[in-house]
Protein backbone atom coordinates (compact mmCIF):
# COMPACT_ATOMS: atom_id res chain seq x y z
CA MET A 1 -12.82 -5.88 -5.51
CA MET A 2 -9.77 -6.43 -7.66
CA SER A 3 -9.90 -10.18 -6.97
CA ARG A 4 -13.07 -10.20 -9.08
CA LEU A 5 -11.15 -8.58 -11.92
CA ALA A 6 -7.67 -9.30 -13.16
CA SER A 7 -4.56 -8.87 -11.03
CA LYS A 8 -4.12 -5.33 -9.86
CA TYR A 9 -0.44 -4.51 -10.41
CA PRO A 10 -0.09 -5.02 -14.20
CA PHE A 11 -2.97 -2.61 -14.73
CA LYS A 12 -1.78 -0.13 -12.13
CA ARG A 13 1.62 -0.11 -13.84
CA LEU A 14 0.01 0.40 -17.25
CA VAL A 15 -2.34 3.22 -16.20
CA GLU A 16 0.20 5.13 -14.11
CA GLY A 17 2.82 4.76 -16.85
CA LEU A 18 0.45 6.12 -19.48
CA LYS A 19 -0.40 9.03 -17.20
CA GLU A 20 3.28 9.88 -16.74
CA GLN A 21 3.85 9.77 -20.49
CA GLY A 22 0.64 11.64 -21.33
CA LYS A 23 -0.48 8.86 -23.68
CA THR A 24 -3.85 7.23 -24.33
CA VAL A 25 -5.07 3.70 -25.07
CA ALA A 26 -8.13 1.87 -26.39
CA VAL A 27 -8.98 -1.82 -26.03
CA VAL A 28 -10.81 -4.41 -28.10
CA GLU A 29 -11.09 -7.90 -26.67
CA SER A 30 -12.76 -11.19 -27.38
CA CYS A 31 -12.38 -14.14 -25.02
CA CYS A 32 -11.49 -11.95 -22.02
CA GLY A 33 -15.08 -10.73 -22.13
CA GLY A 34 -14.41 -7.13 -21.07
CA LEU A 35 -12.00 -7.97 -18.25
CA ILE A 36 -9.21 -5.87 -19.75
CA ASN A 37 -11.47 -2.84 -20.07
CA ALA A 38 -12.90 -3.28 -16.56
CA SER A 39 -9.50 -3.79 -14.94
CA ILE A 40 -8.16 -0.60 -16.49
CA MET A 41 -11.23 1.31 -15.33
CA ALA A 42 -10.76 -0.02 -11.77
CA ILE A 43 -7.49 1.92 -11.41
CA PRO A 44 -8.07 5.45 -10.02
CA GLY A 45 -7.35 8.14 -12.59
CA SER A 46 -7.70 5.82 -15.59
CA SER A 47 -10.14 8.20 -17.29
CA GLN A 48 -7.16 10.42 -18.11
CA VAL A 49 -5.66 7.75 -20.40
CA PHE A 50 -8.49 5.36 -21.27
CA TYR A 51 -11.42 6.59 -23.32
CA GLY A 52 -13.19 3.26 -23.84
CA GLY A 53 -13.15 -0.07 -25.57
CA SER A 54 -15.21 -2.88 -26.98
CA VAL A 55 -15.90 -6.61 -26.68
CA ALA A 56 -16.36 -8.54 -29.94
CA TYR A 57 -17.09 -12.10 -28.83
CA ASN A 58 -18.75 -13.46 -31.97
CA THR A 59 -16.98 -11.94 -34.97
CA LYS A 60 -19.69 -12.84 -37.47
CA GLN A 61 -22.30 -10.93 -35.49
CA ALA A 62 -20.03 -8.21 -34.08
CA GLN A 63 -19.70 -5.59 -36.82
CA LYS A 64 -21.44 -2.95 -34.65
CA PHE A 65 -18.99 -3.69 -31.82
CA LEU A 66 -16.08 -3.25 -34.22
CA MET A 67 -16.85 0.45 -34.75
CA ASN A 68 -19.41 -0.65 -37.37
CA ASP A 69 -16.51 -0.75 -39.81
CA SER A 70 -17.66 -2.98 -42.67
CA GLU A 71 -14.20 -3.07 -44.26
CA LEU A 72 -12.60 -4.21 -41.00
CA HIS A 73 -15.39 -6.71 -40.41
CA SER A 74 -14.89 -8.18 -43.88
CA LYS A 75 -11.13 -8.57 -43.31
CA LEU A 76 -11.70 -10.40 -40.03
CA LEU A 77 -14.02 -12.92 -41.64
CA GLN A 78 -11.40 -13.86 -44.22
CA ARG A 79 -9.79 -16.90 -42.62
CA PRO A 80 -7.47 -18.91 -44.92
CA PRO A 81 -7.93 -22.68 -45.02
CA PRO A 82 -5.40 -24.89 -43.19
CA ALA A 83 -2.16 -25.50 -45.05
CA ALA A 84 -1.12 -29.01 -45.94
CA GLY A 85 -0.54 -30.93 -42.74
CA GLU A 86 -1.71 -28.04 -40.55
CA SER A 87 -4.14 -28.97 -37.81
CA GLU A 88 -7.46 -27.24 -37.34
CA ALA A 89 -6.30 -25.94 -33.95
CA SER A 90 -3.10 -24.47 -35.39
CA ASN A 91 -5.02 -22.78 -38.19
CA TYR A 92 -7.48 -21.32 -35.68
CA ILE A 93 -4.67 -19.93 -33.56
CA GLN A 94 -2.98 -18.39 -36.61
CA SER A 95 -6.25 -16.70 -37.53
CA LYS A 96 -6.17 -14.83 -34.21
CA PHE A 97 -2.81 -13.27 -35.14
CA HIS A 98 -4.57 -11.79 -38.17
CA TRP A 99 -7.66 -10.81 -36.10
CA THR A 100 -5.75 -9.00 -33.34
CA ALA A 101 -3.38 -7.22 -35.75
CA GLU A 102 -6.19 -5.78 -37.84
CA THR A 103 -8.39 -4.76 -34.90
CA ALA A 104 -5.51 -3.20 -32.95
CA LYS A 105 -4.53 -0.99 -35.89
CA ALA A 106 -8.11 -0.01 -36.64
CA PHE A 107 -8.94 0.88 -33.02
CA CYS A 108 -5.73 2.92 -32.69
CA GLU A 109 -6.39 4.97 -35.82
CA GLN A 110 -10.15 5.41 -35.69
CA ASN A 111 -10.27 6.25 -31.97
CA ASN A 112 -7.33 8.64 -32.34
CA VAL A 113 -5.38 7.17 -29.41
CA ASP A 114 -1.66 6.60 -29.03
CA TYR A 115 -1.95 2.86 -28.46
CA ALA A 116 -4.49 0.06 -28.82
CA ILE A 117 -4.62 -3.38 -27.23
CA ALA A 118 -6.36 -6.23 -29.07
CA GLU A 119 -6.98 -9.67 -27.56
CA GLY A 120 -8.47 -12.73 -29.25
CA GLY A 121 -8.47 -16.43 -28.53
CA ALA A 122 -10.40 -19.13 -26.71
CA SER A 123 -10.69 -19.48 -22.93
CA GLY A 124 -12.59 -22.79 -22.67
CA PRO A 125 -14.02 -25.05 -21.40
CA THR A 126 -15.47 -25.87 -24.86
CA PHE A 127 -13.61 -25.22 -28.09
CA ARG A 128 -14.71 -25.05 -31.71
CA PRO A 129 -11.70 -26.87 -33.22
CA GLU A 130 -11.96 -30.46 -32.03
CA ASP A 131 -8.21 -30.82 -31.52
CA LEU A 132 -7.99 -27.77 -29.23
CA ASP A 133 -8.32 -28.65 -25.54
CA LYS A 134 -6.53 -25.83 -23.69
CA GLY A 135 -7.06 -22.09 -23.64
CA PHE A 136 -4.96 -19.62 -25.62
CA SER A 137 -4.94 -15.93 -26.48
CA VAL A 138 -3.14 -13.78 -29.01
CA ILE A 139 -2.44 -10.21 -27.92
CA ALA A 140 -1.43 -7.38 -30.22
CA ILE A 141 -0.27 -3.87 -29.35
CA ALA A 142 -0.60 -1.16 -31.98
CA GLY A 143 0.85 2.33 -31.89
CA LYS A 144 0.89 5.34 -34.14
CA GLY A 145 3.88 5.82 -36.39
CA LYS A 146 5.38 9.16 -37.43
CA ASP A 147 3.00 9.35 -40.35
CA GLY A 148 0.00 8.96 -38.06
CA LYS A 149 -0.71 5.45 -39.36
CA ALA A 150 -0.99 2.66 -36.81
CA GLU A 151 1.46 -0.21 -36.87
CA ILE A 152 1.86 -3.38 -34.81
CA LEU A 153 4.49 -2.86 -32.14
CA ALA A 154 4.23 -6.26 -30.47
CA GLN A 155 2.25 -9.49 -30.72
CA ASP A 156 2.37 -12.55 -28.49
CA LEU A 157 0.70 -15.95 -28.06
CA ILE A 158 -0.29 -16.91 -24.52
CA ARG A 159 -0.98 -20.60 -23.95
CA SER A 160 -2.78 -21.89 -20.88
CA PRO A 161 -2.16 -25.32 -19.31
CA HIS A 162 -5.90 -25.82 -18.73
CA ALA A 163 -9.42 -24.99 -19.96
CA ASN A 164 -10.74 -23.15 -16.87
CA ARG A 165 -12.53 -20.16 -18.39
CA GLN A 166 -12.41 -17.83 -15.37
CA GLU A 167 -8.74 -18.46 -14.67
CA ASN A 168 -7.83 -18.11 -18.33
CA MET A 169 -9.66 -14.79 -18.64
CA LYS A 170 -7.55 -13.45 -15.75
CA LEU A 171 -4.36 -14.94 -17.20
CA PHE A 172 -4.91 -13.40 -20.64
CA ALA A 173 -5.98 -10.00 -19.25
CA ASP A 174 -2.86 -9.79 -17.07
CA ALA A 175 -0.71 -10.78 -20.05
CA ALA A 176 -2.31 -8.04 -22.16
CA ALA A 177 -1.55 -5.36 -19.59
CA THR A 178 2.01 -6.60 -19.12
CA LEU A 179 2.74 -6.80 -22.86
CA ALA A 180 1.32 -3.30 -23.35
CA ALA A 181 3.39 -1.82 -20.52
CA ASP A 182 6.56 -3.57 -21.70
CA THR A 183 6.00 -2.45 -25.29
CA ILE A 184 5.26 1.15 -24.36
CA GLY A 185 8.40 1.23 -22.19
CA ILE A 186 6.86 1.58 -18.74
CA PRO A 187 9.36 0.50 -16.04
CA ALA A 188 8.31 -2.43 -13.86
CA ALA A 189 8.56 -1.87 -10.09
CA VAL A 190 9.09 -4.78 -7.69
CA ASP A 191 5.40 -4.80 -6.75
CA ASP A 192 4.12 -4.60 -10.35
CA SER A 193 3.26 -8.28 -10.38
CA ASP A 194 1.53 -10.77 -8.17
CA SER A 195 3.56 -12.26 -5.35
CA SER A 196 4.00 -15.45 -7.38
CA ASP A 197 5.79 -13.48 -10.11
CA GLN A 198 7.90 -11.18 -7.98
CA ALA A 199 11.65 -11.33 -8.12
CA MET A 200 13.27 -12.60 -4.95
CA VAL A 201 14.27 -9.66 -2.78
CA GLU A 202 16.77 -10.09 0.00
CA PRO A 203 14.87 -9.38 3.24
CA SER A 204 16.12 -6.48 5.29
CA ILE A 205 17.30 -7.29 8.80
CA PRO A 206 15.89 -5.06 11.56
CA SER A 207 18.53 -2.99 13.33
CA LEU A 208 16.91 -3.83 16.69
CA ASP A 209 16.75 -7.40 17.95
CA ARG A 210 14.07 -7.35 20.65
CA ALA A 211 15.60 -10.56 22.05
CA THR A 212 12.38 -11.73 23.70
CA PRO A 213 13.93 -14.94 25.20
CA LEU A 214 16.25 -12.79 27.32
CA ARG A 215 13.31 -11.06 29.04
CA THR A 216 12.74 -14.07 31.31
CA ASP A 217 16.46 -14.61 32.03
CA ALA A 218 17.04 -12.44 35.11
CA ALA A 219 20.76 -13.25 35.35
CA ALA A 220 21.41 -12.35 31.71
CA LEU A 221 19.44 -9.09 32.06
CA GLU A 222 21.44 -8.13 35.13
CA GLN A 223 24.70 -8.63 33.23
CA LEU A 224 23.43 -6.63 30.27
CA GLU A 225 22.26 -3.78 32.49
CA ALA A 226 25.69 -3.56 34.11
CA ARG A 227 27.60 -3.29 30.83
CA GLU A 228 29.39 0.03 30.38
CA ASP A 229 28.66 0.08 26.64
CA ALA A 230 24.90 -0.29 27.18
CA LYS A 231 22.92 2.45 25.46
CA LEU A 232 20.03 4.31 27.05
CA VAL A 233 17.00 5.92 25.39
CA VAL A 234 15.65 8.59 27.73
CA ILE A 235 11.97 9.48 28.17
CA ARG A 236 10.77 12.39 30.32
CA ASN A 237 7.28 12.36 31.82
CA SER A 238 6.14 9.87 29.16
CA ASN A 239 5.92 12.68 26.58
CA ASP A 240 9.44 13.84 25.69
CA CYS A 241 12.47 12.06 24.20
CA LEU A 242 16.10 13.04 24.56
CA PHE A 243 17.57 14.12 21.21
CA SER A 244 21.16 14.81 20.16
CA ALA A 245 20.07 16.64 16.98
CA ASP A 246 16.85 17.47 15.17
CA THR A 247 17.03 14.23 13.23
CA GLN A 248 18.90 12.03 15.70
CA LEU A 249 17.79 10.29 18.88
CA ALA A 250 20.22 10.49 21.78
CA GLN A 251 21.43 7.11 23.01
CA ILE A 252 23.54 7.98 26.01
CA ARG A 253 26.11 5.72 27.66
CA ASN A 254 25.38 3.83 30.84
CA SER A 255 26.89 5.39 33.96
CA GLU A 256 27.04 4.76 37.68
CA GLN A 257 24.74 7.65 38.59
CA LEU A 258 22.04 6.23 36.33
CA GLN A 259 21.99 2.81 37.99
CA GLU A 260 19.26 3.88 40.41
CA LEU A 261 16.85 4.66 37.56
CA LEU A 262 14.35 2.02 36.47
CA LYS A 263 15.33 0.50 33.15
CA THR A 264 13.25 -1.28 30.51
CA PHE A 265 15.01 -3.80 28.27
CA LEU A 266 14.37 -2.80 24.65
CA GLY A 267 16.69 -5.29 22.97
CA LEU A 268 20.09 -5.65 21.34
CA GLU A 269 21.69 -3.91 18.40
CA THR A 270 21.52 -6.54 15.65
CA ASP A 271 25.04 -5.96 14.35
CA SER A 272 26.97 -5.35 17.57
CA GLY A 273 24.88 -7.06 20.25
CA ILE A 274 25.08 -3.93 22.41
CA PRO A 275 22.10 -3.82 24.81
CA ILE A 276 19.63 -0.93 24.64
CA PHE A 277 17.45 0.10 27.57
CA GLY A 278 14.78 2.73 28.04
CA ILE A 279 14.93 4.89 31.15
CA GLU A 280 12.46 7.43 32.51
CA VAL A 281 13.17 10.72 34.23
CA ASN A 282 11.21 13.64 35.60
CA GLU A 283 12.22 17.17 36.49
CA GLU A 284 13.96 15.98 39.67
CA SER A 285 15.93 13.04 38.24
CA GLU A 286 16.79 14.85 35.00
CA ALA A 287 19.95 16.21 36.68
CA LEU A 288 21.43 12.69 36.70
CA LEU A 289 21.79 12.87 32.90
CA ASP A 290 24.67 15.37 33.08
CA LEU A 291 23.36 17.42 30.14
CA GLU A 292 25.98 20.11 30.79
CA GLY A 293 28.86 17.62 30.90
CA GLU A 294 29.19 14.26 29.12
CA ASN A 295 25.83 14.62 27.39
CA ASN A 296 26.19 18.30 26.57
CA GLY A 297 24.19 19.29 23.50
CA CYS A 298 21.38 16.79 24.12
CA TYR A 299 17.93 18.19 24.74
CA PHE A 300 14.34 17.06 25.30
CA ASP A 301 11.63 17.58 22.73
CA ASN A 302 8.07 16.37 22.29
CA THR A 303 8.06 12.82 20.95
CA ARG A 304 4.75 13.17 19.10
CA THR A 305 5.86 16.13 16.98
CA HIS A 306 9.59 15.47 16.73
CA ALA A 307 9.96 11.69 16.32
CA PRO A 308 8.69 11.68 12.69
CA LEU A 309 11.89 13.54 11.73
CA LEU A 310 14.05 10.59 12.86
CA SER A 311 15.47 7.72 10.84
CA PRO A 312 13.34 4.54 10.82
CA GLU A 313 15.74 2.93 13.30
CA ASP A 314 15.64 5.82 15.78
CA TYR A 315 11.91 6.26 15.22
CA GLU A 316 11.25 2.66 16.30
CA LEU A 317 13.31 3.10 19.46
CA ALA A 318 11.70 6.42 20.38
CA LEU A 319 8.15 5.10 20.01
CA TYR A 320 8.99 1.77 21.65
CA ALA A 321 10.38 3.49 24.76
CA THR A 322 7.50 5.98 24.79
CA ALA A 323 4.90 3.20 24.56
CA GLN A 324 6.48 1.39 27.50
CA SER A 325 6.52 4.60 29.56
CA GLN A 326 2.89 5.44 28.76
CA TRP A 327 1.82 1.91 29.71
CA LYS A 328 3.61 1.93 33.06
CA ARG A 329 2.11 5.29 33.93
CA THR A 330 -1.47 4.16 33.34
CA HIS A 331 -1.41 0.51 34.47
CA LYS A 332 -0.23 0.57 38.07
CA PHE A 333 -3.18 -1.53 39.22
CA CYS A 334 -4.64 -4.83 38.03
CA ASN A 335 -7.71 -4.48 35.83
CA ILE A 336 -9.06 -7.78 37.19
CA CYS A 337 -8.85 -7.47 40.99
CA GLY A 338 -7.51 -3.94 41.52
CA GLY A 339 -4.33 -5.20 43.16
CA GLU A 340 -1.04 -3.33 42.79
CA THR A 341 1.15 -4.52 39.93
CA HIS A 342 4.92 -4.85 39.71
CA LEU A 343 7.24 -5.07 36.71
CA ILE A 344 8.79 -8.32 35.55
CA GLN A 345 10.66 -9.57 32.48
CA GLY A 346 13.01 -6.63 32.19
CA GLY A 347 10.20 -4.12 32.61
CA THR A 348 8.26 -5.42 29.58
CA ALA A 349 5.42 -7.11 31.53
CA MET A 350 3.49 -6.63 34.79
CA LYS A 351 2.27 -9.09 37.40
CA CYS A 352 -0.50 -8.44 39.87
CA GLY A 353 0.54 -8.84 43.51
CA GLY A 354 -3.00 -9.95 44.35
CA CYS A 355 -4.35 -12.42 41.78
CA GLY A 356 -1.08 -12.97 39.90
CA ALA A 357 -2.54 -11.92 36.51
CA LEU A 358 0.00 -10.95 33.85
CA SER A 359 -0.35 -8.00 31.50
CA TRP A 360 1.63 -6.48 28.65
CA PRO A 361 1.54 -3.19 26.72
CA ARG A 362 -1.28 -3.10 24.21
CA GLN A 363 -2.01 -1.17 21.05
CA ASP A 364 -5.49 -0.05 20.02
CA PRO A 365 -6.04 -0.42 16.26
CA SER A 366 -6.91 2.81 14.46
CA ILE A 367 -7.35 3.43 10.75
CA ILE A 368 -6.04 6.38 8.77
CA VAL A 369 -7.11 6.70 5.15
CA LEU A 370 -6.13 8.95 2.26
CA ILE A 371 -9.31 9.39 0.22
CA THR A 372 -8.82 10.60 -3.35
CA ASN A 373 -11.35 11.30 -6.05
CA ARG A 374 -11.81 8.74 -8.80
CA ASP A 375 -9.55 10.64 -11.19
CA GLY A 376 -6.76 10.64 -8.62
CA ASP A 377 -6.10 14.39 -8.75
CA LYS A 378 -7.78 15.49 -5.49
CA ALA A 379 -7.50 14.37 -1.85
CA LEU A 380 -10.05 14.74 0.94
CA LEU A 381 -8.34 16.25 3.99
CA ALA A 382 -9.85 17.48 7.24
CA ARG A 383 -8.90 19.66 10.23
CA SER A 384 -9.59 18.52 13.77
CA PRO A 385 -10.10 21.02 16.62
CA ARG A 386 -6.83 19.63 18.04
CA HIS A 387 -4.85 20.79 15.01
CA PRO A 388 -3.31 24.22 14.45
CA ASP A 389 -4.91 26.57 11.93
CA LYS A 390 -4.61 25.43 8.29
CA VAL A 391 -3.35 21.95 9.25
CA HIS A 392 -5.46 19.36 7.43
CA THR A 393 -4.80 15.62 7.58
CA ALA A 394 -6.15 12.32 6.31
CA ILE A 395 -9.29 10.89 7.91
CA ALA A 396 -8.58 8.72 10.96
CA GLY A 397 -10.39 6.99 13.79
CA PHE A 398 -10.50 4.00 16.12
CA VAL A 399 -11.59 0.55 15.00
CA GLU A 400 -14.62 -0.45 17.04
CA ALA A 401 -15.30 -3.87 18.57
CA GLY A 402 -16.47 -6.43 16.02
CA GLU A 403 -15.43 -4.21 13.12
CA THR A 404 -12.98 -4.94 10.30
CA PHE A 405 -10.42 -2.33 9.27
CA GLU A 406 -12.25 -1.83 5.97
CA MET A 407 -15.57 -1.30 7.75
CA ALA A 408 -13.87 1.27 9.99
CA VAL A 409 -12.58 3.13 6.91
CA MET A 410 -16.09 3.36 5.46
CA ARG A 411 -17.71 4.31 8.77
CA GLU A 412 -15.20 6.99 9.79
CA ALA A 413 -15.27 8.62 6.36
CA TYR A 414 -19.06 8.78 6.35
CA GLU A 415 -19.47 9.84 9.99
CA GLU A 416 -16.93 12.65 9.76
CA THR A 417 -17.47 13.96 6.21
CA GLY A 418 -20.66 12.40 4.87
CA ILE A 419 -18.69 10.78 2.04
CA ARG A 420 -19.24 7.16 1.05
CA VAL A 421 -15.96 5.65 -0.12
CA ASP A 422 -15.98 3.12 -2.95
CA PRO A 423 -15.84 -0.21 -1.05
CA ASP A 424 -13.82 -2.01 -3.71
CA SER A 425 -11.18 0.74 -3.73
CA ILE A 426 -10.04 0.30 -0.13
CA GLU A 427 -6.40 -0.75 -0.16
CA TYR A 428 -4.00 -1.37 2.74
CA LEU A 429 -0.76 0.62 2.55
CA SER A 430 1.27 0.33 5.75
CA SER A 431 1.15 0.62 9.52
CA GLN A 432 2.99 2.39 12.31
CA PRO A 433 2.88 2.53 16.11
CA TRP A 434 1.46 5.72 17.58
CA PRO A 435 1.71 5.50 21.39
CA PHE A 436 -0.25 8.67 22.15
CA PRO A 437 -1.45 7.05 24.24
CA ARG A 438 -1.45 3.53 22.69
CA SER A 439 -2.62 3.41 19.07
CA SER A 440 -1.45 1.36 16.12
CA MET A 441 -2.24 3.27 12.93
CA ILE A 442 -3.32 1.07 10.00
CA GLY A 443 -2.94 3.05 6.78
CA PHE A 444 -5.26 2.73 3.78
CA ARG A 445 -6.15 4.57 0.63
CA ALA A 446 -9.55 4.67 -1.07
CA THR A 447 -11.52 6.59 -3.66
CA ALA A 448 -14.84 8.42 -3.53
CA ASN A 449 -17.10 10.61 -5.64
CA ASP A 450 -15.90 14.21 -5.17
CA THR A 451 -18.98 15.70 -6.82
CA LEU A 452 -21.20 14.84 -3.85
CA PRO A 453 -21.59 17.43 -1.05
CA LEU A 454 -19.66 17.13 2.20
CA ASN A 455 -21.59 16.83 5.45
CA ILE A 456 -19.10 17.55 8.23
CA ASP A 457 -19.53 16.32 11.80
CA THR A 458 -18.78 19.57 13.63
CA ASP A 459 -18.20 17.69 16.89
CA GLU A 460 -15.21 15.96 15.26
CA LEU A 461 -14.00 18.38 12.58
CA VAL A 462 -13.59 22.09 11.99
CA SER A 463 -13.41 21.79 8.22
CA ALA A 464 -12.85 19.39 5.33
CA PHE A 465 -12.09 20.05 1.66
CA TRP A 466 -11.11 18.31 -1.56
CA PHE A 467 -7.57 19.61 -2.16
CA GLU A 468 -5.91 19.58 -5.57
CA LYS A 469 -2.95 17.20 -5.83
CA ASP A 470 -0.57 20.01 -6.80
CA SER A 471 -1.61 22.04 -3.74
CA VAL A 472 -0.93 19.11 -1.41
CA MET A 473 2.46 18.52 -2.99
CA ALA A 474 3.36 22.21 -2.66
CA ALA A 475 2.29 22.29 1.00
CA SER A 476 4.38 19.20 1.78
CA GLN A 477 7.52 21.05 0.63
CA ILE A 478 7.13 23.83 3.20
CA PRO A 479 9.78 23.41 5.97
CA GLY A 480 8.17 22.10 9.12
CA ALA A 481 4.99 21.00 7.35
């Protein structure tokens, strides 16, 4: 996993930036012990920009690891004696400026790449100069000039506050990737560093305050329900939402004729404090909505297919109200004693009239994973019998009891397609509610070997293919896709 390598984001930034620019890089390192090379290779698609590298740990014995270049090797062994008053440690550090400059230029030119990274120093816990007691590394970045000759574009000294070898190797490798990306001119996104390095970002405030303390305050809920400015999200038969436009959820005003309908307290608008309730109708009670009068232009559409077109704020409300409706429809009796249940806490909880057990809406965890090949230019997509012709989606499935999300990703991919994902590539992306009937989708991405044959479970899938990235992008631009 990436925790065994260096930090992920500096290397992801470097690799993806090189791919965008169409540039290539080579690496030669010393005290990082191959960590820079390995961390680049761990990023999907790195083979497009990284052809290889070398580790030259003991310079005297490392000519073969320095492209077997005798002239370069001779230069690196020429270390000037300390100047008057210069300490042994200072002289040793200065020698690494010479070492990294010469190796970076040589690797850039002889490997015919656009850039080269060279790293040299001492990570600890033992040091050759007696007056050196903390780790350090010098990093050099070389690039080709207009004449095709390599020149040093940047060079930096990284000092560590300790002599912990493993921690220093990570520190120096991260610094090498960051210096390279900065020098090459690759923009840094907010997440292109570890959380300890990230700039402070003002947290966004949710537009819906679920106001959970109010759920147990019957008097306050009664007052909120009676307010004329209260907004109502309407669900029909647990499957359809009321919309005012293709991309807008209808939030109709409270009215006297709607008082008889059961309401579920969803929360308060964060900015205005206006209460929002969910209400449920069927074909008979739908007439109370006055869709030909005050609410003219509003219409019902399937929540599952239409809600994804909404704004994040409307999407949350639509799925929240739908989840509550689905739960009420399927949990009318206690799962402990079989007694009839009744709603409490503003319609957000149920209590058994027999044993008094309480219950709340639940979500069943399900994974959905975008599997790409190791070069990052193909995606494995599959079609379920439930899907229309030509509709292929990412692999998904329920998380079983006693199973981690990552284990579920590996199991579902193998069971449905016969593909073994690379365990260390599994990365969490995001999550979303999916109350059809009560799932919570946990999104991941992972890589796998696309040269191995697919073995499709025909009970679960109709087809599965490795699709080219450009084809997926083109399909996503089709209206309605």
